[in-house]
Structure formats: structure tokens, C-alpha cells
Amino acid sequence: MTARQLVARLDGLPWRDGAWGAGAWIDAWATAAHWNMRRAGDDGAQPDALEALFGWVLTRGRLTSHSAVHPPRTHSAFFPLLNAAVSEICPKEQLAGTLGVFLAVMSSGGIVGPYLAGWIVDTAASPASGYALTFQVLGAFAVVGAITALLTVNPPRDARRVMAGA
């Protein structure tokens, strides 16, 4: 599937009336693309289609939760893509445990975030300043996390390191 065909298909999915099915289609396509690339190597892959998928999700997706689909935008594609990334660098024997930790980390924001936001709002001079400070603090956490990931994450190196210990 070419990038143009993929974008046309993504735009044509029933996001308003069948969002879960549309998200499932992305999940299935991304998983198939991952396995096809693994088997065929660079020669059989369509990197422009993968880039189109990421670009489509980033420009049209509403990133609010790893498990929710918000038509016509979706975050549902990120979850299977992250699962594929974890399975790429993790040995089969450690995959279940690694995905369990991964899910726990992804869910921690839903546990810590509301408590932290409520505490900041409650201790601020006014609710408006509390909400403003909450967005600034959580935005700073997001920026620090993004910079940390950019500086430390290297999938080929990490895969070699993990596979060497397996």
C-alpha cells in the first residue's frame, strides 16, 4: 500500500459511527506492516506508507488517552505502534513482563495526574492560577520527558543490548 492509498483509506474510515472498528483497522495495518518489514527487511517495506501513518496520526489525531478513540481524530494508532516498538527490542522470553511494565507506566499518568492537578489547584491563590500552574507543571514534565527520550532512546542500540543479555 502506498502512502497516498493509506492516507485515503485512513480518511475514509468511519470515525464518527465506527471509531473502534476504524482504530482496529489501524492496529491491524500497523501490526502487519511491522511484521512485513521484519520479514522482508528494507527491500520489501514501504517506509513512505509508515511515515504517512505517523504523519496522519500526528496531524489528525487527538492525543488524550491510549485507550480512547475520539472521532474523527484518533490516538488508537499510537498504542499498537508502541507495542510493536517494544516487541522489536525485547526478547520473546521477556516480552510479557516488559509489556506489563510498559502498560503500568502508561497508566500511571491517569493515577498521578488528577491527584497532582487537584493538589496544585487547591494550594494556589485562586482556581484560575492553580489551573494555569497545573498546565505549566505538566507541560514541563512533558518537555523534560520528550527531551530525555530524544537523548537516550536508540532502538537499534537498545535491541542489541537487550538481545545480548537474553
N, C-alpha and C. Protein backbone atom coordinates (compact mmCIF):
# COMPACT_ATOMS: atom_id res chain seq x y z
N MET A 1 0.86 -1.17 0.00
CA MET A 1 0.00 0.00 0.00
C MET A 1 0.90 1.23 0.00
N THR A 2 0.63 2.15 -0.92
CA THR A 2 1.43 3.37 -0.99
C THR A 2 0.95 4.36 0.07
N ALA A 3 1.76 5.39 0.28
CA ALA A 3 1.40 6.42 1.26
C ALA A 3 0.08 7.09 0.87
N ARG A 4 -0.08 7.38 -0.39
CA ARG A 4 -1.31 8.04 -0.86
C ARG A 4 -2.54 7.16 -0.63
N GLN A 5 -2.41 5.87 -0.92
CA GLN A 5 -3.51 4.94 -0.70
C GLN A 5 -3.84 4.81 0.79
N LEU A 6 -2.81 4.78 1.61
CA LEU A 6 -3.01 4.66 3.05
C LEU A 6 -3.75 5.88 3.60
N VAL A 7 -3.32 7.06 3.23
CA VAL A 7 -3.97 8.28 3.71
C VAL A 7 -5.42 8.32 3.24
N ALA A 8 -5.68 7.92 2.00
CA ALA A 8 -7.05 7.89 1.50
C ALA A 8 -7.89 6.90 2.32
N ARG A 9 -7.32 5.76 2.64
CA ARG A 9 -8.03 4.76 3.45
C ARG A 9 -8.30 5.28 4.85
N LEU A 10 -7.29 5.90 5.48
CA LEU A 10 -7.46 6.45 6.82
C LEU A 10 -8.54 7.53 6.83
N ASP A 11 -8.53 8.40 5.83
CA ASP A 11 -9.55 9.46 5.75
C ASP A 11 -10.94 8.88 5.52
N GLY A 12 -11.01 7.71 4.87
CA GLY A 12 -12.30 7.11 4.56
C GLY A 12 -12.86 6.19 5.64
N LEU A 13 -12.10 5.96 6.71
CA LEU A 13 -12.60 5.10 7.78
C LEU A 13 -13.76 5.77 8.52
N PRO A 14 -14.68 4.98 9.06
CA PRO A 14 -15.89 5.54 9.70
C PRO A 14 -15.62 6.04 11.12
N TRP A 15 -14.91 7.15 11.26
CA TRP A 15 -14.51 7.64 12.57
C TRP A 15 -15.69 8.08 13.42
N ARG A 16 -16.75 8.61 12.83
CA ARG A 16 -17.89 9.08 13.63
C ARG A 16 -18.79 7.95 14.10
N ASP A 17 -19.05 7.00 13.23
CA ASP A 17 -20.01 5.95 13.56
C ASP A 17 -19.37 4.61 13.93
N GLY A 18 -18.13 4.41 13.57
CA GLY A 18 -17.47 3.14 13.85
C GLY A 18 -16.03 3.35 14.26
N ALA A 19 -15.82 4.22 15.24
CA ALA A 19 -14.46 4.61 15.63
C ALA A 19 -13.63 3.44 16.12
N TRP A 20 -14.23 2.54 16.89
CA TRP A 20 -13.45 1.41 17.40
C TRP A 20 -13.02 0.50 16.26
N GLY A 21 -13.88 0.29 15.31
CA GLY A 21 -13.51 -0.51 14.15
C GLY A 21 -12.44 0.16 13.32
N ALA A 22 -12.52 1.49 13.19
CA ALA A 22 -11.51 2.23 12.46
C ALA A 22 -10.16 2.12 13.16
N GLY A 23 -10.18 2.24 14.49
CA GLY A 23 -8.95 2.08 15.25
C GLY A 23 -8.39 0.68 15.13
N ALA A 24 -9.28 -0.31 15.09
CA ALA A 24 -8.84 -1.70 14.94
C ALA A 24 -8.19 -1.90 13.57
N TRP A 25 -8.70 -1.20 12.55
CA TRP A 25 -8.10 -1.31 11.22
C TRP A 25 -6.66 -0.78 11.26
N ILE A 26 -6.46 0.36 11.93
CA ILE A 26 -5.10 0.91 12.05
C ILE A 26 -4.21 -0.07 12.81
N ASP A 27 -4.73 -0.65 13.87
CA ASP A 27 -3.98 -1.62 14.66
C ASP A 27 -3.54 -2.78 13.78
N ALA A 28 -4.48 -3.33 13.02
CA ALA A 28 -4.17 -4.48 12.16
C ALA A 28 -3.16 -4.09 11.08
N TRP A 29 -3.34 -2.93 10.46
CA TRP A 29 -2.43 -2.50 9.39
C TRP A 29 -1.03 -2.27 9.94
N ALA A 30 -0.93 -1.58 11.08
CA ALA A 30 0.39 -1.29 11.66
C ALA A 30 1.10 -2.57 12.08
N THR A 31 0.35 -3.52 12.64
CA THR A 31 0.95 -4.79 13.04
C THR A 31 1.44 -5.55 11.81
N ALA A 32 0.63 -5.59 10.76
CA ALA A 32 1.04 -6.27 9.53
C ALA A 32 2.26 -5.59 8.91
N ALA A 33 2.29 -4.27 8.92
CA ALA A 33 3.44 -3.55 8.36
C ALA A 33 4.70 -3.86 9.16
N HIS A 34 4.55 -3.92 10.48
CA HIS A 34 5.70 -4.24 11.34
C HIS A 34 6.26 -5.62 11.00
N TRP A 35 5.39 -6.62 10.91
CA TRP A 35 5.85 -7.98 10.63
C TRP A 35 6.37 -8.12 9.20
N ASN A 36 5.75 -7.43 8.25
CA ASN A 36 6.25 -7.49 6.87
C ASN A 36 7.65 -6.89 6.77
N MET A 37 7.86 -5.78 7.47
CA MET A 37 9.19 -5.16 7.44
C MET A 37 10.22 -6.08 8.10
N ARG A 38 9.83 -6.74 9.16
CA ARG A 38 10.75 -7.64 9.85
C ARG A 38 11.16 -8.80 8.97
N ARG A 39 10.22 -9.32 8.21
CA ARG A 39 10.49 -10.48 7.36
C ARG A 39 11.20 -10.08 6.07
N ALA A 40 10.76 -8.98 5.46
CA ALA A 40 11.28 -8.61 4.15
C ALA A 40 12.51 -7.71 4.25
N GLY A 41 12.74 -7.10 5.39
CA GLY A 41 13.85 -6.16 5.50
C GLY A 41 13.51 -4.88 4.78
N ASP A 42 14.51 -4.08 4.54
CA ASP A 42 14.28 -2.77 3.92
C ASP A 42 13.77 -2.89 2.49
N ASP A 43 14.12 -3.97 1.81
CA ASP A 43 13.74 -4.11 0.40
C ASP A 43 12.24 -4.25 0.21
N GLY A 44 11.54 -4.91 1.14
CA GLY A 44 10.12 -5.17 0.96
C GLY A 44 9.22 -4.17 1.67
N ALA A 45 9.79 -3.23 2.39
CA ALA A 45 8.99 -2.30 3.18
C ALA A 45 8.59 -1.08 2.35
N GLN A 46 7.54 -0.45 2.78
CA GLN A 46 7.10 0.81 2.17
C GLN A 46 7.26 1.90 3.23
N PRO A 47 8.48 2.41 3.45
CA PRO A 47 8.68 3.38 4.52
C PRO A 47 7.84 4.64 4.33
N ASP A 48 7.54 4.99 3.09
CA ASP A 48 6.71 6.18 2.89
C ASP A 48 5.31 5.96 3.46
N ALA A 49 4.81 4.74 3.43
CA ALA A 49 3.49 4.46 4.00
C ALA A 49 3.54 4.54 5.52
N LEU A 50 4.60 4.03 6.13
CA LEU A 50 4.74 4.13 7.58
C LEU A 50 4.85 5.59 8.01
N GLU A 51 5.63 6.36 7.28
CA GLU A 51 5.75 7.78 7.58
C GLU A 51 4.41 8.48 7.41
N ALA A 52 3.65 8.07 6.41
CA ALA A 52 2.33 8.65 6.20
C ALA A 52 1.40 8.32 7.37
N LEU A 53 1.49 7.09 7.89
CA LEU A 53 0.67 6.72 9.04
C LEU A 53 1.01 7.59 10.24
N PHE A 54 2.30 7.70 10.56
CA PHE A 54 2.70 8.54 11.70
C PHE A 54 2.27 9.99 11.47
N GLY A 55 2.49 10.49 10.27
CA GLY A 55 2.10 11.88 9.97
C GLY A 55 0.61 12.09 10.08
N TRP A 56 -0.17 11.13 9.59
CA TRP A 56 -1.63 11.24 9.66
C TRP A 56 -2.08 11.28 11.11
N VAL A 57 -1.54 10.38 11.93
CA VAL A 57 -1.94 10.32 13.33
C VAL A 57 -1.51 11.60 14.06
N LEU A 58 -0.30 12.07 13.79
CA LEU A 58 0.18 13.27 14.47
C LEU A 58 -0.59 14.52 14.07
N THR A 59 -0.99 14.62 12.82
CA THR A 59 -1.68 15.83 12.37
C THR A 59 -3.19 15.77 12.54
N ARG A 60 -3.74 14.56 12.61
CA ARG A 60 -5.19 14.45 12.72
C ARG A 60 -5.66 13.77 14.00
N GLY A 61 -4.74 13.25 14.78
CA GLY A 61 -5.11 12.54 15.99
C GLY A 61 -5.27 13.47 17.18
N ARG A 62 -6.24 13.16 18.01
CA ARG A 62 -6.42 13.89 19.27
C ARG A 62 -5.86 13.02 20.37
N LEU A 63 -4.73 13.40 20.92
CA LEU A 63 -3.97 12.55 21.82
C LEU A 63 -4.41 12.76 23.26
N THR A 64 -5.45 12.06 23.67
CA THR A 64 -5.96 12.26 25.02
C THR A 64 -5.81 11.03 25.89
N SER A 65 -5.76 9.86 25.32
CA SER A 65 -5.69 8.66 26.14
C SER A 65 -5.25 7.51 25.26
N HIS A 66 -4.53 6.55 25.81
CA HIS A 66 -4.05 5.45 24.97
C HIS A 66 -5.16 4.48 24.62
N SER A 67 -6.29 4.55 25.28
CA SER A 67 -7.32 3.56 25.01
C SER A 67 -8.58 4.15 24.39
N ALA A 68 -8.63 5.45 24.22
CA ALA A 68 -9.86 6.06 23.71
C ALA A 68 -9.69 6.51 22.27
N VAL A 69 -10.74 6.40 21.50
CA VAL A 69 -10.77 6.90 20.14
C VAL A 69 -11.72 8.08 20.11
N HIS A 70 -11.25 9.18 19.60
CA HIS A 70 -12.07 10.38 19.56
C HIS A 70 -12.28 10.79 18.11
N PRO A 71 -13.41 10.44 17.51
CA PRO A 71 -13.64 10.74 16.10
C PRO A 71 -13.68 12.23 15.88
N PRO A 72 -13.25 12.71 14.70
CA PRO A 72 -12.63 11.95 13.63
C PRO A 72 -11.14 11.78 13.82
N ARG A 73 -10.63 12.14 14.94
CA ARG A 73 -9.20 12.01 15.21
C ARG A 73 -8.99 10.85 16.17
N THR A 74 -7.80 10.26 16.13
CA THR A 74 -7.60 9.09 16.97
C THR A 74 -6.20 9.01 17.53
N HIS A 75 -6.11 8.44 18.70
CA HIS A 75 -4.83 8.13 19.31
C HIS A 75 -4.61 6.62 19.25
N SER A 76 -5.57 5.92 18.70
CA SER A 76 -5.53 4.46 18.73
C SER A 76 -4.35 3.89 17.97
N ALA A 77 -3.80 4.62 17.02
CA ALA A 77 -2.68 4.08 16.26
C ALA A 77 -1.39 4.07 17.07
N PHE A 78 -1.24 4.99 18.00
CA PHE A 78 0.00 5.04 18.76
C PHE A 78 0.19 3.81 19.63
N PHE A 79 -0.85 3.32 20.22
CA PHE A 79 -0.73 2.20 21.14
C PHE A 79 -0.17 0.96 20.44
N PRO A 80 -0.73 0.52 19.31
CA PRO A 80 -0.14 -0.65 18.65
C PRO A 80 1.26 -0.37 18.11
N LEU A 81 1.53 0.85 17.71
CA LEU A 81 2.86 1.16 17.21
C LEU A 81 3.89 1.09 18.34
N LEU A 82 3.51 1.55 19.51
CA LEU A 82 4.41 1.44 20.66
C LEU A 82 4.58 -0.02 21.07
N ASN A 83 3.51 -0.80 21.01
CA ASN A 83 3.63 -2.23 21.29
C ASN A 83 4.59 -2.88 20.30
N ALA A 84 4.49 -2.50 19.03
CA ALA A 84 5.40 -3.05 18.02
C ALA A 84 6.84 -2.65 18.31
N ALA A 85 7.04 -1.42 18.76
CA ALA A 85 8.40 -0.97 19.09
C ALA A 85 8.96 -1.78 20.26
N VAL A 86 8.15 -2.01 21.28
CA VAL A 86 8.60 -2.81 22.43
C VAL A 86 8.93 -4.23 21.97
N SER A 87 8.09 -4.81 21.13
CA SER A 87 8.35 -6.18 20.68
C SER A 87 9.58 -6.26 19.78
N GLU A 88 9.95 -5.16 19.17
CA GLU A 88 11.14 -5.13 18.32
C GLU A 88 12.42 -5.22 19.13
N ILE A 89 12.45 -4.60 20.31
CA ILE A 89 13.70 -4.56 21.06
C ILE A 89 13.73 -5.55 22.23
N CYS A 90 12.66 -6.29 22.43
CA CYS A 90 12.57 -7.16 23.60
C CYS A 90 12.58 -8.63 23.19
N PRO A 91 13.38 -9.45 23.86
CA PRO A 91 13.36 -10.89 23.57
C PRO A 91 12.00 -11.50 23.90
N LYS A 92 11.64 -12.57 23.20
CA LYS A 92 10.35 -13.22 23.40
C LYS A 92 10.12 -13.61 24.86
N GLU A 93 11.18 -14.08 25.52
CA GLU A 93 11.04 -14.55 26.90
C GLU A 93 10.67 -13.42 27.86
N GLN A 94 11.01 -12.20 27.53
CA GLN A 94 10.77 -11.05 28.41
C GLN A 94 9.62 -10.18 27.94
N LEU A 95 9.00 -10.52 26.82
CA LEU A 95 8.01 -9.64 26.21
C LEU A 95 6.80 -9.41 27.11
N ALA A 96 6.23 -10.44 27.70
CA ALA A 96 5.03 -10.27 28.52
C ALA A 96 5.30 -9.36 29.71
N GLY A 97 6.40 -9.59 30.41
CA GLY A 97 6.74 -8.75 31.55
C GLY A 97 7.03 -7.32 31.15
N THR A 98 7.72 -7.16 30.02
CA THR A 98 8.04 -5.82 29.54
C THR A 98 6.78 -5.06 29.16
N LEU A 99 5.86 -5.72 28.47
CA LEU A 99 4.61 -5.06 28.12
C LEU A 99 3.79 -4.72 29.36
N GLY A 100 3.85 -5.56 30.39
CA GLY A 100 3.16 -5.27 31.65
C GLY A 100 3.70 -4.01 32.29
N VAL A 101 5.01 -3.88 32.34
CA VAL A 101 5.64 -2.67 32.90
C VAL A 101 5.29 -1.46 32.03
N PHE A 102 5.35 -1.64 30.72
CA PHE A 102 5.02 -0.58 29.77
C PHE A 102 3.59 -0.07 30.01
N LEU A 103 2.64 -0.98 30.16
CA LEU A 103 1.25 -0.58 30.41
C LEU A 103 1.12 0.11 31.76
N ALA A 104 1.84 -0.36 32.76
CA ALA A 104 1.79 0.28 34.08
C ALA A 104 2.31 1.71 34.00
N VAL A 105 3.40 1.91 33.29
CA VAL A 105 3.95 3.26 33.14
C VAL A 105 2.98 4.15 32.37
N MET A 106 2.39 3.60 31.29
CA MET A 106 1.43 4.40 30.51
C MET A 106 0.20 4.77 31.33
N SER A 107 -0.20 3.90 32.25
CA SER A 107 -1.38 4.16 33.07
C SER A 107 -1.09 5.07 34.26
N SER A 108 0.16 5.23 34.62
CA SER A 108 0.50 6.00 35.82
C SER A 108 0.07 7.45 35.71
N GLY A 109 0.05 8.01 34.51
CA GLY A 109 -0.40 9.39 34.35
C GLY A 109 -1.85 9.57 34.77
N GLY A 110 -2.67 8.58 34.51
CA GLY A 110 -4.07 8.65 34.91
C GLY A 110 -4.28 8.53 36.41
N ILE A 111 -3.28 8.00 37.09
CA ILE A 111 -3.36 7.88 38.55
C ILE A 111 -2.75 9.11 39.23
N VAL A 112 -1.58 9.51 38.78
CA VAL A 112 -0.86 10.61 39.42
C VAL A 112 -1.39 11.98 38.97
N GLY A 113 -1.74 12.10 37.70
CA GLY A 113 -2.14 13.39 37.14
C GLY A 113 -3.29 14.07 37.87
N PRO A 114 -4.41 13.41 38.07
CA PRO A 114 -5.53 14.07 38.75
C PRO A 114 -5.19 14.49 40.19
N TYR A 115 -4.45 13.64 40.90
CA TYR A 115 -4.06 13.98 42.27
C TYR A 115 -3.16 15.22 42.26
N LEU A 116 -2.15 15.22 41.40
CA LEU A 116 -1.23 16.35 41.32
C LEU A 116 -1.95 17.62 40.90
N ALA A 117 -2.80 17.52 39.90
CA ALA A 117 -3.55 18.70 39.44
C ALA A 117 -4.46 19.23 40.54
N GLY A 118 -5.15 18.35 41.24
CA GLY A 118 -6.03 18.78 42.33
C GLY A 118 -5.26 19.44 43.45
N TRP A 119 -4.10 18.89 43.79
CA TRP A 119 -3.28 19.47 44.85
C TRP A 119 -2.80 20.86 44.46
N ILE A 120 -2.35 21.02 43.20
CA ILE A 120 -1.87 22.33 42.74
C ILE A 120 -3.00 23.35 42.75
N VAL A 121 -4.17 22.97 42.26
CA VAL A 121 -5.31 23.90 42.23
C VAL A 121 -5.74 24.26 43.66
N ASP A 122 -5.78 23.27 44.54
CA ASP A 122 -6.20 23.53 45.92
C ASP A 122 -5.25 24.44 46.68
N THR A 123 -3.96 24.37 46.39
CA THR A 123 -2.98 25.17 47.14
C THR A 123 -2.68 26.51 46.48
N ALA A 124 -3.21 26.76 45.30
CA ALA A 124 -2.95 28.02 44.60
C ALA A 124 -3.79 29.15 45.19
N ALA A 125 -3.41 30.37 44.87
CA ALA A 125 -4.12 31.54 45.38
C ALA A 125 -5.56 31.59 44.86
N SER A 126 -5.77 31.15 43.64
CA SER A 126 -7.11 31.11 43.06
C SER A 126 -7.21 29.90 42.14
N PRO A 127 -8.41 29.42 41.87
CA PRO A 127 -8.53 28.28 40.95
C PRO A 127 -7.92 28.57 39.57
N ALA A 128 -8.11 29.78 39.07
CA ALA A 128 -7.57 30.11 37.75
C ALA A 128 -6.05 30.02 37.74
N SER A 129 -5.40 30.55 38.76
CA SER A 129 -3.94 30.47 38.80
C SER A 129 -3.50 29.03 39.04
N GLY A 130 -4.29 28.27 39.79
CA GLY A 130 -3.97 26.86 40.01
C GLY A 130 -4.02 26.05 38.72
N TYR A 131 -5.07 26.27 37.92
CA TYR A 131 -5.16 25.55 36.65
C TYR A 131 -4.03 25.97 35.70
N ALA A 132 -3.72 27.26 35.69
CA ALA A 132 -2.62 27.73 34.84
C ALA A 132 -1.31 27.08 35.25
N LEU A 133 -1.05 27.04 36.56
CA LEU A 133 0.18 26.42 37.05
C LEU A 133 0.19 24.92 36.76
N THR A 134 -0.97 24.27 36.87
CA THR A 134 -1.06 22.84 36.56
C THR A 134 -0.62 22.57 35.13
N PHE A 135 -1.14 23.34 34.18
CA PHE A 135 -0.76 23.14 32.79
C PHE A 135 0.72 23.42 32.58
N GLN A 136 1.27 24.41 33.27
CA GLN A 136 2.70 24.71 33.14
C GLN A 136 3.56 23.58 33.71
N VAL A 137 3.19 23.07 34.88
CA VAL A 137 3.97 22.00 35.50
C VAL A 137 3.90 20.73 34.65
N LEU A 138 2.70 20.32 34.26
CA LEU A 138 2.57 19.11 33.46
C LEU A 138 3.19 19.27 32.07
N GLY A 139 3.13 20.49 31.52
CA GLY A 139 3.82 20.77 30.25
C GLY A 139 5.33 20.63 30.40
N ALA A 140 5.85 21.12 31.53
CA ALA A 140 7.29 20.99 31.78
C ALA A 140 7.68 19.52 31.89
N PHE A 141 6.85 18.71 32.58
CA PHE A 141 7.12 17.27 32.65
C PHE A 141 7.15 16.66 31.25
N ALA A 142 6.21 17.05 30.41
CA ALA A 142 6.16 16.52 29.05
C ALA A 142 7.40 16.91 28.25
N VAL A 143 7.83 18.15 28.37
CA VAL A 143 9.03 18.61 27.65
C VAL A 143 10.27 17.86 28.15
N VAL A 144 10.41 17.74 29.46
CA VAL A 144 11.57 17.01 30.02
C VAL A 144 11.55 15.55 29.55
N GLY A 145 10.38 14.93 29.56
CA GLY A 145 10.27 13.55 29.09
C GLY A 145 10.62 13.41 27.62
N ALA A 146 10.16 14.35 26.80
CA ALA A 146 10.45 14.30 25.37
C ALA A 146 11.95 14.49 25.11
N ILE A 147 12.55 15.43 25.80
CA ILE A 147 14.00 15.66 25.62
C ILE A 147 14.79 14.45 26.10
N THR A 148 14.40 13.90 27.22
CA THR A 148 15.07 12.70 27.73
C THR A 148 14.98 11.56 26.72
N ALA A 149 13.79 11.35 26.15
CA ALA A 149 13.62 10.29 25.15
C ALA A 149 14.47 10.55 23.92
N LEU A 150 14.49 11.79 23.45
CA LEU A 150 15.29 12.11 22.26
C LEU A 150 16.77 11.87 22.49
N LEU A 151 17.22 12.12 23.71
CA LEU A 151 18.65 11.97 24.00
C LEU A 151 19.06 10.54 24.36
N THR A 152 18.13 9.74 24.83
CA THR A 152 18.52 8.41 25.34
C THR A 152 17.99 7.23 24.55
N VAL A 153 16.91 7.38 23.82
CA VAL A 153 16.31 6.24 23.12
C VAL A 153 17.00 6.03 21.78
N ASN A 154 17.48 4.82 21.58
CA ASN A 154 18.11 4.41 20.33
C ASN A 154 17.72 2.95 20.10
N PRO A 155 16.60 2.70 19.38
CA PRO A 155 16.10 1.32 19.26
C PRO A 155 17.12 0.30 18.77
N PRO A 156 17.92 0.58 17.72
CA PRO A 156 18.88 -0.46 17.31
C PRO A 156 19.90 -0.79 18.42
N ARG A 157 20.41 0.24 19.10
CA ARG A 157 21.38 0.01 20.17
C ARG A 157 20.72 -0.72 21.33
N ASP A 158 19.50 -0.28 21.69
CA ASP A 158 18.79 -0.92 22.80
C ASP A 158 18.46 -2.37 22.48
N ALA A 159 18.08 -2.66 21.25
CA ALA A 159 17.78 -4.04 20.85
C ALA A 159 19.02 -4.92 20.98
N ARG A 160 20.17 -4.40 20.52
CA ARG A 160 21.41 -5.17 20.64
C ARG A 160 21.75 -5.43 22.10
N ARG A 161 21.57 -4.41 22.94
CA ARG A 161 21.90 -4.54 24.36
C ARG A 161 20.98 -5.56 25.03
N VAL A 162 19.69 -5.47 24.75
CA VAL A 162 18.73 -6.39 25.38
C VAL A 162 18.93 -7.80 24.86
N MET A 163 19.12 -7.95 23.55
CA MET A 163 19.29 -9.28 22.97
C MET A 163 20.60 -9.94 23.42
N ALA A 164 21.61 -9.14 23.71
CA ALA A 164 22.87 -9.70 24.18
C ALA A 164 22.71 -10.35 25.55
N GLY A 165 21.80 -9.81 26.35
CA GLY A 165 21.57 -10.36 27.68
C GLY A 165 20.58 -11.50 27.71
N ALA A 166 19.93 -11.76 26.58
CA ALA A 166 18.88 -12.80 26.56
C ALA A 166 19.47 -14.19 26.46
